Amino acid sequence: MQASDEELTTQGLDATGDGRVLLLACGALAREIIAVQQQNRLSHLDLQCLPAIYHNHPERIVPAIKEAVTKYNDDYDSIFVVYADCGTGGLLEAACQELGVGMVKGPHCYSFFEGNDAFEARDELTAFYLTDFLVRQFNAFVWKPLGLDRHPELRDMYFGNYEKLVYQAQLDDPDLQKLAESYAEKMGLTYEYRYTGYGDLETTLKTL
């Protein structure tokens, strides 16, 4: 049976020996981190995820990271934060420097999935991005929090300045592609599919 997203956010990866690293990560990245860990045999990495809903509440990220680092610091050789800035306005980077832990480079997951350099070069100000996680959880993380399930007439107010929906796919999954395309139509946006794989997330974890 396939694990649910909620189960994945609390899954630890068993590791033994020296050089153990704890990954403190966004729950929205759990599947991808586990896939990278398994594919690259990174058995020294353990995973502890914060609630994925913090994706919508960046003000909760820094306090939660500080609490987790304090809690687990003595149990690991090092701790690495698998968040980018993620709407914290530089506060997460400052906290990580203060705590002496590393973090993923980039403004957000959309950037590091594509590759930070490639993403910056695109300069897409009118694109709305979805990842595999957000396609699976579109209603819970996009539609309902914006109140569009109750007030669909607000759609143009939220998305009127966007021109396209870009689905950054980590997996080549036709079912997810169909869902993403249907969400683009629902939002009144043109649709673009862009397979990114794990991008800078994978290259970063492989260096730990």
N, C-alpha and C. Protein backbone atom coordinates (compact mmCIF):
# COMPACT_ATOMS: atom_id res chain seq x y z
N MET A 1 0.85 -1.19 0.00
CA MET A 1 0.00 0.00 0.00
C MET A 1 0.88 1.24 0.00
N GLN A 2 0.55 2.19 -0.84
CA GLN A 2 1.33 3.41 -0.93
C GLN A 2 1.05 4.32 0.26
N ALA A 3 2.11 4.91 0.82
CA ALA A 3 1.96 5.78 1.99
C ALA A 3 1.26 7.06 1.58
N SER A 4 0.47 7.60 2.50
CA SER A 4 -0.18 8.87 2.26
C SER A 4 0.81 10.00 2.46
N ASP A 5 0.45 11.21 1.99
CA ASP A 5 1.32 12.36 2.21
C ASP A 5 1.52 12.63 3.69
N GLU A 6 0.46 12.44 4.49
CA GLU A 6 0.58 12.68 5.93
C GLU A 6 1.56 11.71 6.56
N GLU A 7 1.53 10.43 6.14
CA GLU A 7 2.46 9.45 6.68
C GLU A 7 3.89 9.78 6.29
N LEU A 8 4.06 10.25 5.07
CA LEU A 8 5.40 10.58 4.60
C LEU A 8 6.02 11.72 5.39
N THR A 9 5.21 12.65 5.86
CA THR A 9 5.76 13.81 6.57
C THR A 9 6.32 13.43 7.93
N THR A 10 6.02 12.24 8.42
CA THR A 10 6.52 11.81 9.73
C THR A 10 7.42 10.60 9.62
N GLN A 11 7.82 10.23 8.41
CA GLN A 11 8.63 9.03 8.21
C GLN A 11 10.09 9.33 8.45
N GLY A 12 10.74 8.51 9.26
CA GLY A 12 12.18 8.60 9.46
C GLY A 12 12.87 7.57 8.60
N LEU A 13 14.11 7.83 8.21
CA LEU A 13 14.89 6.89 7.44
C LEU A 13 15.98 6.35 8.36
N ASP A 14 15.99 5.04 8.55
CA ASP A 14 16.97 4.45 9.46
C ASP A 14 18.38 4.65 8.94
N ALA A 15 19.26 5.04 9.81
CA ALA A 15 20.66 5.20 9.43
C ALA A 15 21.55 4.78 10.59
N THR A 16 22.69 4.19 10.27
CA THR A 16 23.60 3.76 11.32
C THR A 16 25.00 4.22 10.95
N GLY A 17 25.88 4.28 11.94
CA GLY A 17 27.26 4.63 11.69
C GLY A 17 27.52 6.11 11.88
N ASP A 18 28.73 6.50 11.56
CA ASP A 18 29.16 7.88 11.73
C ASP A 18 28.63 8.75 10.60
N GLY A 19 28.69 10.05 10.81
CA GLY A 19 28.32 10.99 9.76
C GLY A 19 26.84 11.10 9.52
N ARG A 20 26.03 10.82 10.51
CA ARG A 20 24.58 10.89 10.33
C ARG A 20 24.14 12.35 10.22
N VAL A 21 23.25 12.59 9.27
CA VAL A 21 22.74 13.94 9.00
C VAL A 21 21.22 13.90 9.13
N LEU A 22 20.69 14.86 9.86
CA LEU A 22 19.24 15.00 9.95
C LEU A 22 18.77 16.05 8.96
N LEU A 23 17.81 15.68 8.14
CA LEU A 23 17.18 16.62 7.23
C LEU A 23 15.90 17.13 7.88
N LEU A 24 15.81 18.43 8.10
CA LEU A 24 14.59 19.06 8.58
C LEU A 24 13.93 19.68 7.36
N ALA A 25 12.80 19.13 6.95
CA ALA A 25 12.29 19.46 5.63
C ALA A 25 10.83 19.85 5.65
N CYS A 26 10.43 20.54 4.60
CA CYS A 26 9.03 20.81 4.35
C CYS A 26 8.32 19.50 4.01
N GLY A 27 7.16 19.27 4.62
CA GLY A 27 6.42 18.05 4.35
C GLY A 27 6.03 17.90 2.90
N ALA A 28 5.96 19.01 2.16
CA ALA A 28 5.63 18.94 0.74
C ALA A 28 6.74 18.31 -0.08
N LEU A 29 7.92 18.12 0.52
CA LEU A 29 9.06 17.54 -0.19
C LEU A 29 9.35 16.12 0.23
N ALA A 30 8.52 15.54 1.09
CA ALA A 30 8.84 14.24 1.68
C ALA A 30 9.04 13.15 0.64
N ARG A 31 8.11 13.00 -0.29
CA ARG A 31 8.23 11.96 -1.31
C ARG A 31 9.51 12.13 -2.12
N GLU A 32 9.80 13.36 -2.50
CA GLU A 32 10.96 13.61 -3.34
C GLU A 32 12.26 13.35 -2.59
N ILE A 33 12.33 13.75 -1.34
CA ILE A 33 13.54 13.51 -0.55
C ILE A 33 13.78 12.02 -0.36
N ILE A 34 12.73 11.29 -0.05
CA ILE A 34 12.87 9.84 0.13
C ILE A 34 13.31 9.18 -1.17
N ALA A 35 12.77 9.63 -2.29
CA ALA A 35 13.17 9.07 -3.59
C ALA A 35 14.64 9.32 -3.86
N VAL A 36 15.10 10.55 -3.61
CA VAL A 36 16.51 10.88 -3.81
C VAL A 36 17.39 10.05 -2.89
N GLN A 37 16.97 9.93 -1.65
CA GLN A 37 17.74 9.16 -0.67
C GLN A 37 17.88 7.70 -1.10
N GLN A 38 16.81 7.12 -1.56
CA GLN A 38 16.83 5.72 -1.96
C GLN A 38 17.60 5.51 -3.25
N GLN A 39 17.38 6.36 -4.23
CA GLN A 39 18.03 6.20 -5.53
C GLN A 39 19.54 6.37 -5.46
N ASN A 40 19.99 7.21 -4.53
CA ASN A 40 21.41 7.49 -4.40
C ASN A 40 22.06 6.81 -3.20
N ARG A 41 21.29 5.94 -2.53
CA ARG A 41 21.81 5.16 -1.40
C ARG A 41 22.41 6.06 -0.33
N LEU A 42 21.67 7.10 0.00
CA LEU A 42 22.13 8.04 1.02
C LEU A 42 21.61 7.60 2.37
N SER A 43 22.12 6.46 2.84
CA SER A 43 21.59 5.84 4.05
C SER A 43 21.98 6.57 5.33
N HIS A 44 22.88 7.54 5.22
CA HIS A 44 23.29 8.30 6.40
C HIS A 44 22.34 9.47 6.68
N LEU A 45 21.35 9.67 5.82
CA LEU A 45 20.41 10.78 5.99
C LEU A 45 19.14 10.30 6.68
N ASP A 46 18.73 11.01 7.72
CA ASP A 46 17.44 10.80 8.35
C ASP A 46 16.54 11.97 7.99
N LEU A 47 15.24 11.72 7.97
CA LEU A 47 14.29 12.76 7.56
C LEU A 47 13.26 13.03 8.64
N GLN A 48 13.10 14.29 8.97
CA GLN A 48 12.03 14.75 9.85
C GLN A 48 11.36 15.94 9.18
N CYS A 49 10.07 15.83 8.90
CA CYS A 49 9.38 16.89 8.16
C CYS A 49 8.50 17.74 9.06
N LEU A 50 8.47 19.02 8.77
CA LEU A 50 7.50 19.92 9.38
C LEU A 50 6.21 19.85 8.56
N PRO A 51 5.09 20.27 9.13
CA PRO A 51 3.82 20.17 8.41
C PRO A 51 3.86 20.87 7.05
N ALA A 52 3.35 20.18 6.05
CA ALA A 52 3.36 20.74 4.70
C ALA A 52 2.54 22.02 4.59
N ILE A 53 1.56 22.20 5.46
CA ILE A 53 0.70 23.38 5.39
C ILE A 53 1.48 24.66 5.67
N TYR A 54 2.70 24.54 6.23
CA TYR A 54 3.53 25.73 6.42
C TYR A 54 3.88 26.37 5.08
N HIS A 55 3.69 25.61 4.00
CA HIS A 55 3.82 26.18 2.64
C HIS A 55 2.94 27.42 2.51
N ASN A 56 1.80 27.41 3.18
CA ASN A 56 0.88 28.55 3.14
C ASN A 56 1.07 29.51 4.30
N HIS A 57 1.94 29.18 5.23
CA HIS A 57 2.15 30.01 6.43
C HIS A 57 3.64 30.14 6.71
N PRO A 58 4.38 30.87 5.88
CA PRO A 58 5.84 30.95 6.05
C PRO A 58 6.27 31.54 7.38
N GLU A 59 5.39 32.28 8.05
CA GLU A 59 5.76 32.84 9.35
C GLU A 59 5.96 31.75 10.40
N ARG A 60 5.49 30.55 10.14
CA ARG A 60 5.64 29.45 11.09
C ARG A 60 6.92 28.66 10.89
N ILE A 61 7.59 28.87 9.78
CA ILE A 61 8.73 28.03 9.44
C ILE A 61 9.91 28.26 10.37
N VAL A 62 10.32 29.51 10.56
CA VAL A 62 11.52 29.80 11.35
C VAL A 62 11.37 29.33 12.79
N PRO A 63 10.28 29.64 13.50
CA PRO A 63 10.16 29.14 14.87
C PRO A 63 10.20 27.61 14.95
N ALA A 64 9.57 26.95 13.97
CA ALA A 64 9.55 25.49 13.99
C ALA A 64 10.94 24.91 13.73
N ILE A 65 11.70 25.52 12.83
CA ILE A 65 13.06 25.07 12.56
C ILE A 65 13.94 25.26 13.79
N LYS A 66 13.83 26.40 14.43
CA LYS A 66 14.63 26.64 15.64
C LYS A 66 14.32 25.61 16.71
N GLU A 67 13.05 25.31 16.90
CA GLU A 67 12.65 24.33 17.90
C GLU A 67 13.20 22.94 17.56
N ALA A 68 13.12 22.57 16.29
CA ALA A 68 13.57 21.25 15.88
C ALA A 68 15.10 21.11 15.99
N VAL A 69 15.82 22.14 15.60
CA VAL A 69 17.28 22.09 15.71
C VAL A 69 17.69 21.93 17.17
N THR A 70 17.06 22.68 18.06
CA THR A 70 17.34 22.56 19.49
C THR A 70 17.05 21.15 19.99
N LYS A 71 15.97 20.59 19.51
CA LYS A 71 15.55 19.26 19.96
C LYS A 71 16.49 18.16 19.49
N TYR A 72 16.97 18.23 18.25
CA TYR A 72 17.71 17.12 17.67
C TYR A 72 19.22 17.35 17.56
N ASN A 73 19.69 18.51 17.92
CA ASN A 73 21.08 18.88 17.65
C ASN A 73 22.08 17.91 18.25
N ASP A 74 21.81 17.40 19.44
CA ASP A 74 22.77 16.52 20.12
C ASP A 74 22.75 15.10 19.57
N ASP A 75 21.78 14.78 18.75
CA ASP A 75 21.62 13.40 18.26
C ASP A 75 22.28 13.16 16.91
N TYR A 76 22.76 14.23 16.25
CA TYR A 76 23.28 14.10 14.89
C TYR A 76 24.61 14.81 14.73
N ASP A 77 25.40 14.31 13.79
CA ASP A 77 26.66 14.98 13.47
C ASP A 77 26.41 16.34 12.84
N SER A 78 25.34 16.43 12.05
CA SER A 78 24.96 17.71 11.47
C SER A 78 23.48 17.69 11.13
N ILE A 79 22.94 18.88 10.96
CA ILE A 79 21.54 19.07 10.58
C ILE A 79 21.51 19.94 9.34
N PHE A 80 20.64 19.59 8.40
CA PHE A 80 20.50 20.38 7.17
C PHE A 80 19.03 20.68 6.96
N VAL A 81 18.73 21.94 6.64
CA VAL A 81 17.36 22.40 6.48
C VAL A 81 16.97 22.34 5.01
N VAL A 82 15.97 21.52 4.70
CA VAL A 82 15.53 21.37 3.31
C VAL A 82 14.33 22.28 3.06
N TYR A 83 14.60 23.53 3.18
CA TYR A 83 13.74 24.63 2.75
C TYR A 83 14.63 25.60 1.98
N ALA A 84 14.06 26.30 1.03
CA ALA A 84 14.70 27.49 0.50
C ALA A 84 14.19 28.67 1.35
N ASP A 85 14.23 29.88 0.84
CA ASP A 85 13.72 31.00 1.64
C ASP A 85 12.24 30.85 1.92
N CYS A 86 11.49 30.40 0.92
CA CYS A 86 10.08 30.02 1.10
C CYS A 86 9.22 31.10 1.75
N GLY A 87 9.44 32.34 1.35
CA GLY A 87 8.59 33.42 1.82
C GLY A 87 8.94 33.97 3.18
N THR A 88 10.09 33.61 3.74
CA THR A 88 10.47 34.09 5.07
C THR A 88 11.21 35.42 5.01
N GLY A 89 11.45 35.94 3.83
CA GLY A 89 12.11 37.23 3.71
C GLY A 89 13.51 37.28 4.27
N GLY A 90 14.25 36.17 4.10
CA GLY A 90 15.63 36.12 4.60
C GLY A 90 15.76 35.68 6.04
N LEU A 91 14.64 35.56 6.76
CA LEU A 91 14.71 35.21 8.18
C LEU A 91 15.17 33.78 8.40
N LEU A 92 14.82 32.87 7.48
CA LEU A 92 15.25 31.49 7.65
C LEU A 92 16.75 31.37 7.45
N GLU A 93 17.28 32.04 6.45
CA GLU A 93 18.73 32.01 6.23
C GLU A 93 19.47 32.56 7.44
N ALA A 94 18.96 33.66 7.99
CA ALA A 94 19.60 34.25 9.18
C ALA A 94 19.55 33.29 10.35
N ALA A 95 18.42 32.61 10.53
CA ALA A 95 18.28 31.66 11.63
C ALA A 95 19.22 30.48 11.45
N CYS A 96 19.36 29.99 10.22
CA CYS A 96 20.25 28.86 9.97
C CYS A 96 21.70 29.24 10.24
N GLN A 97 22.08 30.46 9.87
CA GLN A 97 23.44 30.92 10.16
C GLN A 97 23.66 31.01 11.66
N GLU A 98 22.66 31.50 12.37
CA GLU A 98 22.76 31.61 13.83
C GLU A 98 22.87 30.23 14.47
N LEU A 99 22.13 29.27 13.92
CA LEU A 99 22.11 27.92 14.49
C LEU A 99 23.27 27.06 14.01
N GLY A 100 23.97 27.51 13.00
CA GLY A 100 25.10 26.75 12.48
C GLY A 100 24.69 25.56 11.63
N VAL A 101 23.58 25.69 10.91
CA VAL A 101 23.12 24.61 10.04
C VAL A 101 22.99 25.13 8.61
N GLY A 102 23.11 24.21 7.65
CA GLY A 102 22.99 24.58 6.25
C GLY A 102 21.55 24.53 5.79
N MET A 103 21.30 25.06 4.59
CA MET A 103 19.97 25.03 4.01
C MET A 103 20.09 25.02 2.49
N VAL A 104 19.00 24.67 1.82
CA VAL A 104 18.96 24.65 0.37
C VAL A 104 19.02 26.08 -0.17
N LYS A 105 19.77 26.30 -1.22
CA LYS A 105 19.85 27.61 -1.83
C LYS A 105 18.64 27.86 -2.72
N GLY A 106 18.23 29.13 -2.80
CA GLY A 106 17.16 29.50 -3.71
C GLY A 106 16.01 30.17 -3.00
N PRO A 107 15.13 30.82 -3.76
CA PRO A 107 14.00 31.52 -3.17
C PRO A 107 12.86 30.61 -2.76
N HIS A 108 12.69 29.47 -3.46
CA HIS A 108 11.57 28.57 -3.18
C HIS A 108 11.79 27.26 -3.94
N CYS A 109 10.91 26.28 -3.69
CA CYS A 109 11.09 24.96 -4.30
C CYS A 109 10.94 25.00 -5.81
N TYR A 110 10.11 25.91 -6.33
CA TYR A 110 9.96 26.00 -7.79
C TYR A 110 11.29 26.33 -8.45
N SER A 111 12.10 27.10 -7.76
CA SER A 111 13.40 27.47 -8.28
C SER A 111 14.39 26.32 -8.20
N PHE A 112 14.51 25.68 -7.04
CA PHE A 112 15.54 24.64 -6.95
C PHE A 112 15.15 23.36 -7.67
N PHE A 113 13.85 23.11 -7.89
CA PHE A 113 13.49 21.95 -8.69
C PHE A 113 13.94 22.14 -10.14
N GLU A 114 13.77 23.31 -10.67
CA GLU A 114 14.20 23.56 -12.04
C GLU A 114 15.70 23.74 -12.13
N GLY A 115 16.31 24.13 -11.03
CA GLY A 115 17.70 24.54 -11.01
C GLY A 115 17.72 26.05 -10.85
N ASN A 116 18.33 26.54 -9.79
CA ASN A 116 18.24 27.96 -9.47
C ASN A 116 18.72 28.86 -10.60
N ASP A 117 19.79 28.48 -11.27
CA ASP A 117 20.31 29.32 -12.34
C ASP A 117 19.33 29.38 -13.51
N ALA A 118 18.78 28.21 -13.88
CA ALA A 118 17.83 28.17 -15.00
C ALA A 118 16.56 28.92 -14.66
N PHE A 119 16.10 28.78 -13.43
CA PHE A 119 14.87 29.45 -13.03
C PHE A 119 15.05 30.96 -13.05
N GLU A 120 16.16 31.42 -12.52
CA GLU A 120 16.41 32.88 -12.49
C GLU A 120 16.48 33.45 -13.90
N ALA A 121 17.03 32.69 -14.81
CA ALA A 121 17.18 33.18 -16.18
C ALA A 121 15.83 33.32 -16.89
N ARG A 122 14.84 32.54 -16.47
CA ARG A 122 13.52 32.61 -17.11
C ARG A 122 12.79 33.91 -16.77
N ASP A 123 12.92 34.38 -15.54
CA ASP A 123 12.28 35.63 -15.12
C ASP A 123 10.78 35.62 -15.45
N GLU A 124 10.09 34.57 -15.00
CA GLU A 124 8.67 34.39 -15.31
C GLU A 124 7.79 34.99 -14.21
N LEU A 125 7.42 36.23 -14.39
CA LEU A 125 6.63 36.90 -13.36
C LEU A 125 5.14 36.60 -13.47
N THR A 126 4.70 36.06 -14.60
CA THR A 126 3.27 35.83 -14.80
C THR A 126 2.94 34.34 -14.84
N ALA A 127 3.81 33.51 -14.25
CA ALA A 127 3.58 32.07 -14.22
C ALA A 127 3.18 31.62 -12.82
N PHE A 128 2.21 30.75 -12.76
CA PHE A 128 1.78 30.11 -11.51
C PHE A 128 2.31 28.67 -11.55
N TYR A 129 3.04 28.26 -10.50
CA TYR A 129 3.74 26.97 -10.53
C TYR A 129 3.05 25.93 -9.67
N LEU A 130 3.06 24.71 -10.20
CA LEU A 130 2.66 23.54 -9.43
C LEU A 130 3.77 22.50 -9.50
N THR A 131 4.00 21.81 -8.38
CA THR A 131 4.89 20.65 -8.33
C THR A 131 4.03 19.40 -8.22
N ASP A 132 4.67 18.23 -8.19
CA ASP A 132 3.90 16.99 -8.02
C ASP A 132 3.02 17.07 -6.78
N PHE A 133 3.60 17.53 -5.68
CA PHE A 133 2.85 17.62 -4.43
C PHE A 133 1.63 18.52 -4.58
N LEU A 134 1.83 19.68 -5.19
CA LEU A 134 0.73 20.64 -5.30
C LEU A 134 -0.33 20.19 -6.30
N VAL A 135 0.06 19.39 -7.28
CA VAL A 135 -0.96 18.81 -8.15
C VAL A 135 -1.82 17.83 -7.35
N ARG A 136 -1.17 16.99 -6.56
CA ARG A 136 -1.92 16.03 -5.74
C ARG A 136 -2.80 16.73 -4.71
N GLN A 137 -2.32 17.83 -4.19
CA GLN A 137 -2.99 18.51 -3.08
C GLN A 137 -3.57 19.86 -3.49
N PHE A 138 -3.93 20.01 -4.75
CA PHE A 138 -4.35 21.31 -5.28
C PHE A 138 -5.53 21.88 -4.50
N ASN A 139 -6.54 21.09 -4.27
CA ASN A 139 -7.73 21.60 -3.58
C ASN A 139 -7.41 22.01 -2.15
N ALA A 140 -6.60 21.21 -1.46
CA ALA A 140 -6.30 21.48 -0.06
C ALA A 140 -5.34 22.65 0.13
N PHE A 141 -4.43 22.86 -0.84
CA PHE A 141 -3.38 23.86 -0.64
C PHE A 141 -3.56 25.12 -1.49
N VAL A 142 -4.42 25.06 -2.50
CA VAL A 142 -4.64 26.22 -3.37
C VAL A 142 -6.10 26.64 -3.37
N TRP A 143 -6.97 25.80 -3.85
CA TRP A 143 -8.35 26.19 -4.11
C TRP A 143 -9.11 26.53 -2.84
N LYS A 144 -9.08 25.64 -1.85
CA LYS A 144 -9.84 25.88 -0.62
C LYS A 144 -9.26 27.01 0.23
N PRO A 145 -7.94 27.08 0.44
CA PRO A 145 -7.40 28.19 1.24
C PRO A 145 -7.72 29.56 0.67
N LEU A 146 -7.88 29.65 -0.65
CA LEU A 146 -8.24 30.93 -1.27
C LEU A 146 -9.75 31.17 -1.27
N GLY A 147 -10.49 30.18 -0.78
CA GLY A 147 -11.94 30.33 -0.70
C GLY A 147 -12.66 30.14 -2.02
N LEU A 148 -11.95 29.60 -3.02
CA LEU A 148 -12.54 29.48 -4.34
C LEU A 148 -13.54 28.32 -4.44
N ASP A 149 -13.49 27.41 -3.48
CA ASP A 149 -14.50 26.35 -3.45
C ASP A 149 -15.86 26.93 -3.06
N ARG A 150 -15.85 28.06 -2.35
CA ARG A 150 -17.09 28.71 -1.92
C ARG A 150 -17.43 29.93 -2.77
N HIS A 151 -16.39 30.58 -3.30
CA HIS A 151 -16.60 31.80 -4.07
C HIS A 151 -15.78 31.74 -5.37
N PRO A 152 -16.18 30.91 -6.31
CA PRO A 152 -15.42 30.79 -7.57
C PRO A 152 -15.36 32.09 -8.36
N GLU A 153 -16.26 33.01 -8.05
CA GLU A 153 -16.25 34.29 -8.77
C GLU A 153 -15.00 35.12 -8.46
N LEU A 154 -14.25 34.72 -7.43
CA LEU A 154 -13.03 35.43 -7.08
C LEU A 154 -11.82 34.99 -7.91
N ARG A 155 -12.02 34.04 -8.79
CA ARG A 155 -10.91 33.48 -9.55
C ARG A 155 -10.09 34.56 -10.26
N ASP A 156 -10.75 35.45 -10.95
CA ASP A 156 -10.02 36.47 -11.72
C ASP A 156 -9.28 37.45 -10.82
N MET A 157 -9.78 37.67 -9.63
CA MET A 157 -9.11 38.56 -8.70
C MET A 157 -7.76 37.95 -8.27
N TYR A 158 -7.74 36.64 -8.05
CA TYR A 158 -6.51 35.98 -7.63
C TYR A 158 -5.55 35.74 -8.79
N PHE A 159 -6.08 35.34 -9.93
CA PHE A 159 -5.22 34.86 -11.01
C PHE A 159 -5.23 35.75 -12.24
N GLY A 160 -5.84 36.92 -12.13
CA GLY A 160 -5.95 37.79 -13.30
C GLY A 160 -4.63 38.28 -13.84
N ASN A 161 -3.60 38.35 -12.99
CA ASN A 161 -2.30 38.83 -13.44
C ASN A 161 -1.38 37.71 -13.93
N TYR A 162 -1.85 36.47 -13.82
CA TYR A 162 -1.08 35.34 -14.32
C TYR A 162 -1.48 35.05 -15.77
N GLU A 163 -0.55 34.50 -16.52
CA GLU A 163 -0.81 34.13 -17.91
C GLU A 163 -0.81 32.63 -18.13
N LYS A 164 -0.02 31.91 -17.35
CA LYS A 164 0.07 30.47 -17.57
C LYS A 164 0.31 29.73 -16.26
N LEU A 165 -0.07 28.47 -16.26
CA LEU A 165 0.25 27.55 -15.18
C LEU A 165 1.37 26.64 -15.66
N VAL A 166 2.46 26.61 -14.93
CA VAL A 166 3.59 25.75 -15.27
C VAL A 166 3.63 24.59 -14.29
N TYR A 167 3.49 23.38 -14.81
CA TYR A 167 3.60 22.19 -13.97
C TYR A 167 5.03 21.69 -14.04
N GLN A 168 5.76 21.86 -12.94
CA GLN A 168 7.13 21.36 -12.83
C GLN A 168 7.05 19.94 -12.29
N ALA A 169 7.23 18.98 -13.15
CA ALA A 169 7.03 17.58 -12.77
C ALA A 169 8.31 16.95 -12.25
N GLN A 170 8.22 16.32 -11.10
CA GLN A 170 9.33 15.53 -10.59
C GLN A 170 9.27 14.10 -11.13
N LEU A 171 8.06 13.62 -11.38
CA LEU A 171 7.85 12.30 -11.96
C LEU A 171 7.13 12.45 -13.29
N ASP A 172 7.41 11.55 -14.22
CA ASP A 172 6.72 11.54 -15.50
C ASP A 172 5.46 10.71 -15.33
N ASP A 173 4.39 11.36 -14.85
CA ASP A 173 3.16 10.67 -14.48
C ASP A 173 2.00 11.25 -15.31
N PRO A 174 1.48 10.50 -16.28
CA PRO A 174 0.41 11.02 -17.13
C PRO A 174 -0.84 11.43 -16.36
N ASP A 175 -1.15 10.73 -15.27
CA ASP A 175 -2.32 11.09 -14.48
C ASP A 175 -2.16 12.45 -13.82
N LEU A 176 -0.97 12.73 -13.30
CA LEU A 176 -0.71 14.04 -12.71
C LEU A 176 -0.73 15.13 -13.78
N GLN A 177 -0.24 14.80 -14.98
CA GLN A 177 -0.26 15.78 -16.06
C GLN A 177 -1.70 16.16 -16.43
N LYS A 178 -2.58 15.18 -16.47
CA LYS A 178 -3.98 15.46 -16.79
C LYS A 178 -4.61 16.33 -15.72
N LEU A 179 -4.30 16.03 -14.45
CA LEU A 179 -4.83 16.84 -13.36
C LEU A 179 -4.33 18.28 -13.47
N ALA A 180 -3.04 18.44 -13.67
CA ALA A 180 -2.46 19.79 -13.76
C ALA A 180 -3.09 20.58 -14.89
N GLU A 181 -3.30 19.93 -16.03
CA GLU A 181 -3.90 20.62 -17.17
C GLU A 181 -5.34 21.03 -16.86
N SER A 182 -6.05 20.18 -16.11
CA SER A 182 -7.42 20.53 -15.73
C SER A 182 -7.44 21.71 -14.77
N TYR A 183 -6.42 21.82 -13.92
CA TYR A 183 -6.36 22.94 -12.98
C TYR A 183 -6.05 24.24 -13.73
N ALA A 184 -5.21 24.15 -14.75
CA ALA A 184 -4.93 25.34 -15.56
C ALA A 184 -6.21 25.85 -16.21
N GLU A 185 -7.02 24.94 -16.74
CA GLU A 185 -8.29 25.33 -17.34
C GLU A 185 -9.21 25.93 -16.28
N LYS A 186 -9.22 25.33 -15.10
CA LYS A 186 -10.06 25.81 -14.00
C LYS A 186 -9.68 27.23 -13.59
N MET A 187 -8.39 27.54 -13.69
CA MET A 187 -7.88 28.85 -13.29
C MET A 187 -7.91 29.85 -14.44
N GLY A 188 -8.26 29.40 -15.61
CA GLY A 188 -8.29 30.29 -16.76
C GLY A 188 -6.92 30.65 -17.29
N LEU A 189 -5.95 29.72 -17.17
CA LEU A 189 -4.58 29.97 -17.59
C LEU A 189 -4.17 28.98 -18.68
N THR A 190 -3.24 29.39 -19.51
CA THR A 190 -2.66 28.44 -20.45
C THR A 190 -1.79 27.45 -19.67
N TYR A 191 -1.54 26.30 -20.26
CA TYR A 191 -0.86 25.22 -19.54
C TYR A 191 0.48 24.92 -20.17
N GLU A 192 1.50 24.76 -19.32
CA GLU A 192 2.82 24.35 -19.79
C GLU A 192 3.34 23.25 -18.88
N TYR A 193 3.76 22.16 -19.49
CA TYR A 193 4.36 21.04 -18.76
C TYR A 193 5.87 21.12 -18.86
N ARG A 194 6.54 21.00 -17.72
CA ARG A 194 7.99 21.12 -17.69
C ARG A 194 8.55 20.05 -16.75
N TYR A 195 9.17 19.02 -17.33
CA TYR A 195 9.76 17.97 -16.49
C TYR A 195 11.09 18.47 -15.93
N THR A 196 11.18 18.52 -14.60
CA THR A 196 12.39 19.01 -13.95
C THR A 196 13.16 17.92 -13.22
N GLY A 197 12.49 16.81 -12.89
CA GLY A 197 13.11 15.87 -11.98
C GLY A 197 13.30 16.54 -10.63
N TYR A 198 14.40 16.20 -9.96
CA TYR A 198 14.62 16.73 -8.61
C TYR A 198 15.57 17.93 -8.58
N GLY A 199 16.16 18.27 -9.72
CA GLY A 199 16.94 19.50 -9.83
C GLY A 199 18.02 19.65 -8.78
N ASP A 200 18.13 20.88 -8.26
CA ASP A 200 19.16 21.19 -7.26
C ASP A 200 18.90 20.49 -5.93
N LEU A 201 17.68 20.01 -5.71
CA LEU A 201 17.42 19.26 -4.48
C LEU A 201 18.30 18.01 -4.46
N GLU A 202 18.33 17.28 -5.57
CA GLU A 202 19.12 16.06 -5.62
C GLU A 202 20.61 16.35 -5.51
N THR A 203 21.10 17.32 -6.28
CA THR A 203 22.53 17.60 -6.25
C THR A 203 22.97 18.08 -4.87
N THR A 204 22.08 18.82 -4.18
CA THR A 204 22.42 19.32 -2.84
C THR A 204 22.49 18.16 -1.84
N LEU A 205 21.49 17.28 -1.85
CA LEU A 205 21.49 16.18 -0.88
C LEU A 205 22.65 15.23 -1.10
N LYS A 206 23.08 15.08 -2.34
CA LYS A 206 24.20 14.18 -2.64
C LYS A 206 25.52 14.71 -2.11
N THR A 207 25.59 16.00 -1.79
CA THR A 207 26.83 16.57 -1.27
C THR A 207 26.93 16.46 0.25
N LEU A 208 25.85 16.09 0.91
CA LEU A 208 25.85 16.10 2.38
C LEU A 208 26.62 14.91 2.94
